[in-house]
Amino acid sequence: MNPLHPASEAAYDRMRLRQWSAGRARSAGIDRRDLLRFVAAASAAV
């Protein structure tokens, strides 16, 4: 299986979660640490 083209969407999601958890995921979106801060602030506000 080519890691750039996983066999299923579930496999891709698992791969991206592992990358994100390890701090290796890259995207044009929000930084992992910023997202964690946002989630912590949102949960504290509830």
C-alpha atoms as a PDB file:
ATOM      1  CA  MET A   1       0.000   0.000   0.000  1.00  0.00           C
ATOM      2  CA  ASN A   2       1.338   3.401  -0.983  1.00  0.00           C
ATOM      3  CA  PRO A   3       1.279   5.670   2.119  1.00  0.00           C
ATOM      4  CA  LEU A   4       0.246   8.603  -0.064  1.00  0.00           C
ATOM      5  CA  HIS A   5      -2.802   6.687  -1.306  1.00  0.00           C
ATOM      6  CA  PRO A   6      -4.222   4.556   1.522  1.00  0.00           C
ATOM      7  CA  ALA A   7      -6.726   1.849   0.626  1.00  0.00           C
ATOM      8  CA  SER A   8      -9.600   3.492   2.494  1.00  0.00           C
ATOM      9  CA  GLU A   9     -10.637   6.753   4.056  1.00  0.00           C
ATOM     10  CA  ALA A  10     -10.469   5.105   7.494  1.00  0.00           C
ATOM     11  CA  ALA A  11      -6.841   4.102   6.873  1.00  0.00           C
ATOM     12  CA  TYR A  12      -6.057   7.656   5.783  1.00  0.00           C
ATOM     13  CA  ASP A  13      -7.731   9.051   8.914  1.00  0.00           C
ATOM     14  CA  ARG A  14      -5.698   6.713  11.147  1.00  0.00           C
ATOM     15  CA  MET A  15      -2.482   7.694   9.358  1.00  0.00           C
ATOM     16  CA  ARG A  16      -3.217  11.425   9.722  1.00  0.00           C
ATOM     17  CA  LEU A  17      -4.142  11.005  13.402  1.00  0.00           C
ATOM     18  CA  ARG A  18      -0.816   9.266  14.068  1.00  0.00           C
ATOM     19  CA  GLN A  19       1.016  12.056  12.223  1.00  0.00           C
ATOM     20  CA  TRP A  20      -0.904  14.757  14.078  1.00  0.00           C
ATOM     21  CA  SER A  21      -0.332  13.106  17.469  1.00  0.00           C
ATOM     22  CA  ALA A  22       3.392  12.888  16.763  1.00  0.00           C
ATOM     23  CA  GLY A  23       3.503  16.539  15.661  1.00  0.00           C
ATOM     24  CA  ARG A  24       4.437  15.580  12.097  1.00  0.00           C
ATOM     25  CA  ALA A  25       1.217  16.478  10.280  1.00  0.00           C
ATOM     26  CA  ARG A  26       1.479  19.524   8.061  1.00  0.00           C
ATOM     27  CA  SER A  27      -1.335  21.454   6.486  1.00  0.00           C
ATOM     28  CA  ALA A  28      -2.342  24.958   5.562  1.00  0.00           C
ATOM     29  CA  GLY A  29      -4.709  24.962   8.540  1.00  0.00           C
ATOM     30  CA  ILE A  30      -4.328  25.622  12.236  1.00  0.00           C
ATOM     31  CA  ASP A  31      -1.208  24.619  14.160  1.00  0.00           C
ATOM     32  CA  ARG A  32      -1.623  21.636  16.505  1.00  0.00           C
ATOM     33  CA  ARG A  33      -0.618  23.605  19.600  1.00  0.00           C
ATOM     34  CA  ASP A  34      -3.012  26.430  18.720  1.00  0.00           C
ATOM     35  CA  LEU A  35      -5.820  23.905  18.271  1.00  0.00           C
ATOM     36  CA  LEU A  36      -5.070  22.318  21.655  1.00  0.00           C
ATOM     37  CA  ARG A  37      -5.084  25.760  23.304  1.00  0.00           C
ATOM     38  CA  PHE A  38      -8.402  26.583  21.631  1.00  0.00           C
ATOM     39  CA  VAL A  39      -9.992  23.304  22.770  1.00  0.00           C
ATOM     40  CA  ALA A  40      -8.717  23.812  26.325  1.00  0.00           C
ATOM     41  CA  ALA A  41     -10.070  27.367  26.441  1.00  0.00           C
ATOM     42  CA  ALA A  42     -13.417  26.294  24.986  1.00  0.00           C
ATOM     43  CA  SER A  43     -13.810  23.437  27.467  1.00  0.00           C
ATOM     44  CA  ALA A  44     -12.899  25.718  30.391  1.00  0.00           C
ATOM     45  CA  ALA A  45     -15.545  28.213  29.266  1.00  0.00           C
ATOM     46  CA  VAL A  46     -18.305  25.581  29.342  1.00  0.00           C
END
